[in-house]
């Protein structure tokens, strides 16, 4: 079992980009922890911009921990 945590700085950068309506192009190397974190934040920021529910409190935000099988 592998445990992966999101990178808070990358998540926040993605959130801000999504909130501003910027394209979902991560500045990080593909498939890296930072890339995954950035995209996760982007989805949440884009949801906020569009008026949908979003998370930013650790339940889906930058402190989220994932277990990979």
PDB file of N, CA and C in Angstrom:
ATOM      1  N   UNK A   1       0.845  -1.174   0.000  1.00  0.00           N
ATOM      2  CA  UNK A   1       0.000   0.000   0.000  1.00  0.00           C
ATOM      3  C   UNK A   1       0.893   1.241   0.000  1.00  0.00           C
ATOM      4  N   UNK A   2       0.561   2.200  -0.839  1.00  0.00           N
ATOM      5  CA  UNK A   2       1.274   3.468  -0.904  1.00  0.00           C
ATOM      6  C   UNK A   2       0.368   4.586  -0.406  1.00  0.00           C
ATOM      7  N   UNK A   3       0.920   5.478   0.367  1.00  0.00           N
ATOM      8  CA  UNK A   3       0.184   6.646   0.846  1.00  0.00           C
ATOM      9  C   UNK A   3       0.746   7.869   0.125  1.00  0.00           C
ATOM     10  N   UNK A   4      -0.136   8.676  -0.434  1.00  0.00           N
ATOM     11  CA  UNK A   4       0.268   9.882  -1.151  1.00  0.00           C
ATOM     12  C   UNK A   4      -0.462  11.073  -0.543  1.00  0.00           C
ATOM     13  N   UNK A   5       0.277  12.121  -0.260  1.00  0.00           N
ATOM     14  CA  UNK A   5      -0.341  13.349   0.226  1.00  0.00           C
ATOM     15  C   UNK A   5      -0.198  14.429  -0.840  1.00  0.00           C
ATOM     16  N   UNK A   6      -1.160  15.317  -0.875  1.00  0.00           N
ATOM     17  CA  UNK A   6      -1.095  16.396  -1.843  1.00  0.00           C
ATOM     18  C   UNK A   6      -0.087  17.451  -1.412  1.00  0.00           C
ATOM     19  N   UNK A   7       0.461  18.125  -2.398  1.00  0.00           N
ATOM     20  CA  UNK A   7       1.374  19.230  -2.159  1.00  0.00           C
ATOM     21  C   UNK A   7       0.530  20.498  -1.969  1.00  0.00           C
ATOM     22  N   UNK A   8       0.532  21.093  -0.775  1.00  0.00           N
ATOM     23  CA  UNK A   8      -0.338  22.253  -0.516  1.00  0.00           C
ATOM     24  C   UNK A   8      -0.092  23.449  -1.436  1.00  0.00           C
ATOM     25  N   UNK A   9       1.147  23.734  -1.773  1.00  0.00           N
ATOM     26  CA  UNK A   9       1.437  24.887  -2.640  1.00  0.00           C
ATOM     27  C   UNK A   9       0.910  24.648  -4.050  1.00  0.00           C
ATOM     28  N   UNK A  10       1.119  23.439  -4.558  1.00  0.00           N
ATOM     29  CA  UNK A  10       0.635  23.112  -5.895  1.00  0.00           C
ATOM     30  C   UNK A  10      -0.890  23.099  -5.915  1.00  0.00           C
ATOM     31  N   UNK A  11      -1.514  22.557  -4.858  1.00  0.00           N
ATOM     32  CA  UNK A  11      -2.980  22.526  -4.784  1.00  0.00           C
ATOM     33  C   UNK A  11      -3.529  23.944  -4.802  1.00  0.00           C
ATOM     34  N   UNK A  12      -2.948  24.819  -4.008  1.00  0.00           N
ATOM     35  CA  UNK A  12      -3.418  26.212  -3.931  1.00  0.00           C
ATOM     36  C   UNK A  12      -3.253  26.912  -5.276  1.00  0.00           C
ATOM     37  N   UNK A  13      -2.141  26.668  -5.959  1.00  0.00           N
ATOM     38  CA  UNK A  13      -1.927  27.273  -7.278  1.00  0.00           C
ATOM     39  C   UNK A  13      -2.986  26.790  -8.263  1.00  0.00           C
ATOM     40  N   UNK A  14      -3.312  25.507  -8.222  1.00  0.00           N
ATOM     41  CA  UNK A  14      -4.350  24.963  -9.084  1.00  0.00           C
ATOM     42  C   UNK A  14      -5.715  25.531  -8.746  1.00  0.00           C
ATOM     43  N   UNK A  15      -5.995  25.664  -7.444  1.00  0.00           N
ATOM     44  CA  UNK A  15      -7.272  26.236  -7.003  1.00  0.00           C
ATOM     45  C   UNK A  15      -7.430  27.652  -7.555  1.00  0.00           C
ATOM     46  N   UNK A  16      -6.408  28.452  -7.411  1.00  0.00           N
ATOM     47  CA  UNK A  16      -6.465  29.840  -7.891  1.00  0.00           C
ATOM     48  C   UNK A  16      -6.646  29.890  -9.404  1.00  0.00           C
ATOM     49  N   UNK A  17      -5.959  29.010 -10.128  1.00  0.00           N
ATOM     50  CA  UNK A  17      -6.103  28.976 -11.585  1.00  0.00           C
ATOM     51  C   UNK A  17      -7.526  28.593 -11.976  1.00  0.00           C
ATOM     52  N   UNK A  18      -8.090  27.603 -11.307  1.00  0.00           N
ATOM     53  CA  UNK A  18      -9.461  27.199 -11.595  1.00  0.00           C
ATOM     54  C   UNK A  18     -10.454  28.282 -11.238  1.00  0.00           C
ATOM     55  N   UNK A  19     -10.222  28.945 -10.120  1.00  0.00           N
ATOM     56  CA  UNK A  19     -11.100  30.017  -9.660  1.00  0.00           C
ATOM     57  C   UNK A  19     -11.101  31.182 -10.658  1.00  0.00           C
ATOM     58  N   UNK A  20      -9.971  31.392 -11.320  1.00  0.00           N
ATOM     59  CA  UNK A  20      -9.839  32.478 -12.301  1.00  0.00           C
ATOM     60  C   UNK A  20     -10.253  32.046 -13.707  1.00  0.00           C
ATOM     61  N   UNK A  21     -10.618  30.781 -13.867  1.00  0.00           N
ATOM     62  CA  UNK A  21     -11.057  30.289 -15.171  1.00  0.00           C
ATOM     63  C   UNK A  21      -9.933  30.008 -16.144  1.00  0.00           C
ATOM     64  N   UNK A  22      -8.717  29.856 -15.626  1.00  0.00           N
ATOM     65  CA  UNK A  22      -7.582  29.554 -16.495  1.00  0.00           C
ATOM     66  C   UNK A  22      -7.643  28.092 -16.936  1.00  0.00           C
ATOM     67  N   UNK A  23      -7.074  27.778 -18.101  1.00  0.00           N
ATOM     68  CA  UNK A  23      -7.087  26.398 -18.594  1.00  0.00           C
ATOM     69  C   UNK A  23      -6.423  25.432 -17.608  1.00  0.00           C
ATOM     70  N   UNK A  24      -6.828  24.183 -17.688  1.00  0.00           N
ATOM     71  CA  UNK A  24      -6.323  23.159 -16.782  1.00  0.00           C
ATOM     72  C   UNK A  24      -4.982  22.589 -17.179  1.00  0.00           C
ATOM     73  N   UNK A  25      -4.017  23.450 -17.461  1.00  0.00           N
ATOM     74  CA  UNK A  25      -2.678  23.024 -17.845  1.00  0.00           C
ATOM     75  C   UNK A  25      -1.727  23.198 -16.669  1.00  0.00           C
ATOM     76  N   UNK A  26      -1.388  22.115 -16.035  1.00  0.00           N
ATOM     77  CA  UNK A  26      -0.489  22.148 -14.885  1.00  0.00           C
ATOM     78  C   UNK A  26       0.930  22.521 -15.312  1.00  0.00           C
ATOM     79  N   UNK A  27       1.616  23.330 -14.508  1.00  0.00           N
ATOM     80  CA  UNK A  27       3.004  23.676 -14.820  1.00  0.00           C
ATOM     81  C   UNK A  27       4.006  22.626 -14.326  1.00  0.00           C
ATOM     82  N   UNK A  28       3.511  21.555 -13.725  1.00  0.00           N
ATOM     83  CA  UNK A  28       4.380  20.530 -13.133  1.00  0.00           C
ATOM     84  C   UNK A  28       4.544  19.329 -14.056  1.00  0.00           C
ATOM     85  N   UNK A  29       5.598  18.552 -13.861  1.00  0.00           N
ATOM     86  CA  UNK A  29       5.797  17.358 -14.691  1.00  0.00           C
ATOM     87  C   UNK A  29       4.600  16.407 -14.590  1.00  0.00           C
ATOM     88  N   UNK A  30       4.193  15.863 -15.718  1.00  0.00           N
ATOM     89  CA  UNK A  30       3.042  14.958 -15.766  1.00  0.00           C
ATOM     90  C   UNK A  30       3.202  13.806 -14.786  1.00  0.00           C
ATOM     91  N   UNK A  31       2.117  13.486 -14.124  1.00  0.00           N
ATOM     92  CA  UNK A  31       2.020  12.354 -13.185  1.00  0.00           C
ATOM     93  C   UNK A  31       2.807  12.536 -11.899  1.00  0.00           C
ATOM     94  N   UNK A  32       3.355  13.718 -11.667  1.00  0.00           N
ATOM     95  CA  UNK A  32       4.077  13.961 -10.419  1.00  0.00           C
ATOM     96  C   UNK A  32       3.076  14.273  -9.311  1.00  0.00           C
ATOM     97  N   UNK A  33       3.530  14.211  -8.088  1.00  0.00           N
ATOM     98  CA  UNK A  33       2.696  14.563  -6.935  1.00  0.00           C
ATOM     99  C   UNK A  33       2.165  15.991  -7.080  1.00  0.00           C
ATOM    100  N   UNK A  34       3.006  16.884  -7.536  1.00  0.00           N
ATOM    101  CA  UNK A  34       2.621  18.274  -7.703  1.00  0.00           C
ATOM    102  C   UNK A  34       1.570  18.432  -8.805  1.00  0.00           C
ATOM    103  N   UNK A  35       1.732  17.686  -9.900  1.00  0.00           N
ATOM    104  CA  UNK A  35       0.782  17.725 -11.009  1.00  0.00           C
ATOM    105  C   UNK A  35      -0.589  17.249 -10.531  1.00  0.00           C
ATOM    106  N   UNK A  36      -0.609  16.143  -9.818  1.00  0.00           N
ATOM    107  CA  UNK A  36      -1.849  15.594  -9.278  1.00  0.00           C
ATOM    108  C   UNK A  36      -2.500  16.592  -8.318  1.00  0.00           C
ATOM    109  N   UNK A  37      -1.709  17.201  -7.469  1.00  0.00           N
ATOM    110  CA  UNK A  37      -2.220  18.177  -6.504  1.00  0.00           C
ATOM    111  C   UNK A  37      -2.778  19.398  -7.218  1.00  0.00           C
ATOM    112  N   UNK A  38      -2.055  19.882  -8.224  1.00  0.00           N
ATOM    113  CA  UNK A  38      -2.490  21.058  -8.973  1.00  0.00           C
ATOM    114  C   UNK A  38      -3.845  20.798  -9.633  1.00  0.00           C
ATOM    115  N   UNK A  39      -3.988  19.652 -10.281  1.00  0.00           N
ATOM    116  CA  UNK A  39      -5.255  19.324 -10.950  1.00  0.00           C
ATOM    117  C   UNK A  39      -6.396  19.180  -9.947  1.00  0.00           C
ATOM    118  N   UNK A  40      -6.114  18.599  -8.800  1.00  0.00           N
ATOM    119  CA  UNK A  40      -7.127  18.469  -7.755  1.00  0.00           C
ATOM    120  C   UNK A  40      -7.608  19.850  -7.304  1.00  0.00           C
ATOM    121  N   UNK A  41      -6.677  20.766  -7.079  1.00  0.00           N
ATOM    122  CA  UNK A  41      -7.037  22.131  -6.708  1.00  0.00           C
ATOM    123  C   UNK A  41      -7.782  22.850  -7.814  1.00  0.00           C
ATOM    124  N   UNK A  42      -7.380  22.616  -9.063  1.00  0.00           N
ATOM    125  CA  UNK A  42      -8.017  23.266 -10.199  1.00  0.00           C
ATOM    126  C   UNK A  42      -9.488  22.879 -10.288  1.00  0.00           C
ATOM    127  N   UNK A  43      -9.782  21.612 -10.086  1.00  0.00           N
ATOM    128  CA  UNK A  43     -11.168  21.143 -10.128  1.00  0.00           C
ATOM    129  C   UNK A  43     -12.004  21.868  -9.069  1.00  0.00           C
ATOM    130  N   UNK A  44     -11.459  21.989  -7.872  1.00  0.00           N
ATOM    131  CA  UNK A  44     -12.191  22.648  -6.789  1.00  0.00           C
ATOM    132  C   UNK A  44     -12.359  24.150  -7.053  1.00  0.00           C
ATOM    133  N   UNK A  45     -11.312  24.801  -7.556  1.00  0.00           N
ATOM    134  CA  UNK A  45     -11.403  26.223  -7.879  1.00  0.00           C
ATOM    135  C   UNK A  45     -12.385  26.502  -9.009  1.00  0.00           C
ATOM    136  N   UNK A  46     -12.399  25.624 -10.005  1.00  0.00           N
ATOM    137  CA  UNK A  46     -13.333  25.775 -11.117  1.00  0.00           C
ATOM    138  C   UNK A  46     -14.768  25.577 -10.636  1.00  0.00           C
ATOM    139  N   UNK A  47     -14.973  24.632  -9.728  1.00  0.00           N
ATOM    140  CA  UNK A  47     -16.309  24.420  -9.160  1.00  0.00           C
ATOM    141  C   UNK A  47     -16.771  25.681  -8.430  1.00  0.00           C
ATOM    142  N   UNK A  48     -15.879  26.296  -7.664  1.00  0.00           N
ATOM    143  CA  UNK A  48     -16.233  27.530  -6.951  1.00  0.00           C
ATOM    144  C   UNK A  48     -16.613  28.622  -7.944  1.00  0.00           C
ATOM    145  N   UNK A  49     -15.808  28.785  -8.980  1.00  0.00           N
ATOM    146  CA  UNK A  49     -16.061  29.825  -9.981  1.00  0.00           C
ATOM    147  C   UNK A  49     -17.421  29.650 -10.642  1.00  0.00           C
ATOM    148  N   UNK A  50     -17.820  28.407 -10.855  1.00  0.00           N
ATOM    149  CA  UNK A  50     -19.085  28.129 -11.534  1.00  0.00           C
ATOM    150  C   UNK A  50     -20.283  28.101 -10.581  1.00  0.00           C
ATOM    151  N   UNK A  51     -20.016  28.300  -9.299  1.00  0.00           N
ATOM    152  CA  UNK A  51     -21.102  28.348  -8.339  1.00  0.00           C
ATOM    153  C   UNK A  51     -21.511  27.005  -7.776  1.00  0.00           C
ATOM    154  N   UNK A  52     -20.711  25.975  -8.017  1.00  0.00           N
ATOM    155  CA  UNK A  52     -20.986  24.651  -7.471  1.00  0.00           C
ATOM    156  C   UNK A  52     -20.313  24.503  -6.114  1.00  0.00           C
ATOM    157  N   UNK A  53     -20.662  23.434  -5.410  1.00  0.00           N
ATOM    158  CA  UNK A  53     -20.001  23.150  -4.149  1.00  0.00           C
ATOM    159  C   UNK A  53     -18.534  22.804  -4.386  1.00  0.00           C
ATOM    160  N   UNK A  54     -17.704  23.149  -3.441  1.00  0.00           N
ATOM    161  CA  UNK A  54     -16.279  22.858  -3.537  1.00  0.00           C
ATOM    162  C   UNK A  54     -15.742  22.659  -2.134  1.00  0.00           C
ATOM    163  N   UNK A  55     -14.565  22.079  -2.038  1.00  0.00           N
ATOM    164  CA  UNK A  55     -13.942  21.880  -0.725  1.00  0.00           C
ATOM    165  C   UNK A  55     -12.640  22.649  -0.650  1.00  0.00           C
ATOM    166  N   UNK A  56     -12.386  23.141   0.546  1.00  0.00           N
ATOM    167  CA  UNK A  56     -11.133  23.853   0.765  1.00  0.00           C
ATOM    168  C   UNK A  56     -10.726  23.730   2.231  1.00  0.00           C
ATOM    169  N   UNK A  57     -11.252  22.727   2.902  1.00  0.00           N
ATOM    170  CA  UNK A  57     -11.061  22.606   4.341  1.00  0.00           C
ATOM    171  C   UNK A  57     -10.314  21.349   4.762  1.00  0.00           C
ATOM    172  N   UNK A  58      -9.622  20.712   3.860  1.00  0.00           N
ATOM    173  CA  UNK A  58      -8.907  19.487   4.211  1.00  0.00           C
ATOM    174  C   UNK A  58      -9.674  18.240   3.848  1.00  0.00           C
ATOM    175  N   UNK A  59     -11.004  18.327   3.707  1.00  0.00           N
ATOM    176  CA  UNK A  59     -11.764  17.142   3.328  1.00  0.00           C
ATOM    177  C   UNK A  59     -11.533  16.803   1.861  1.00  0.00           C
ATOM    178  N   UNK A  60     -11.114  17.759   1.090  1.00  0.00           N
ATOM    179  CA  UNK A  60     -10.776  17.513  -0.299  1.00  0.00           C
ATOM    180  C   UNK A  60      -9.697  18.461  -0.745  1.00  0.00           C
ATOM    181  N   UNK A  61      -9.177  19.207   0.197  1.00  0.00           N
ATOM    182  CA  UNK A  61      -8.200  20.230  -0.109  1.00  0.00           C
ATOM    183  C   UNK A  61      -6.769  19.757  -0.012  1.00  0.00           C
ATOM    184  N   UNK A  62      -5.861  20.674   0.213  1.00  0.00           N
ATOM    185  CA  UNK A  62      -4.440  20.374   0.087  1.00  0.00           C
ATOM    186  C   UNK A  62      -3.882  19.383   1.103  1.00  0.00           C
ATOM    187  N   UNK A  63      -4.596  19.098   2.175  1.00  0.00           N
ATOM    188  CA  UNK A  63      -4.065  18.158   3.155  1.00  0.00           C
ATOM    189  C   UNK A  63      -4.611  16.748   2.971  1.00  0.00           C
ATOM    190  N   UNK A  64      -5.319  16.525   1.902  1.00  0.00           N
ATOM    191  CA  UNK A  64      -5.940  15.227   1.672  1.00  0.00           C
ATOM    192  C   UNK A  64      -4.875  14.142   1.476  1.00  0.00           C
ATOM    193  N   UNK A  65      -5.142  13.000   2.044  1.00  0.00           N
ATOM    194  CA  UNK A  65      -4.233  11.848   1.927  1.00  0.00           C
ATOM    195  C   UNK A  65      -4.955  10.754   1.161  1.00  0.00           C
ATOM    196  N   UNK A  66      -4.267  10.144   0.231  1.00  0.00           N
ATOM    197  CA  UNK A  66      -4.846   9.077  -0.581  1.00  0.00           C
ATOM    198  C   UNK A  66      -4.081   7.789  -0.346  1.00  0.00           C
ATOM    199  N   UNK A  67      -4.798   6.702  -0.337  1.00  0.00           N
ATOM    200  CA  UNK A  67      -4.185   5.379  -0.241  1.00  0.00           C
ATOM    201  C   UNK A  67      -4.273   4.736  -1.605  1.00  0.00           C
ATOM    202  N   UNK A  68      -3.153   4.359  -2.145  1.00  0.00           N
ATOM    203  CA  UNK A  68      -3.112   3.748  -3.471  1.00  0.00           C
ATOM    204  C   UNK A  68      -2.869   2.255  -3.332  1.00  0.00           C
ATOM    205  N   UNK A  69      -3.658   1.478  -4.010  1.00  0.00           N
ATOM    206  CA  UNK A  69      -3.513   0.014  -3.945  1.00  0.00           C
ATOM    207  C   UNK A  69      -2.430  -0.443  -4.901  1.00  0.00           C
TER     208      UNK A  69
END
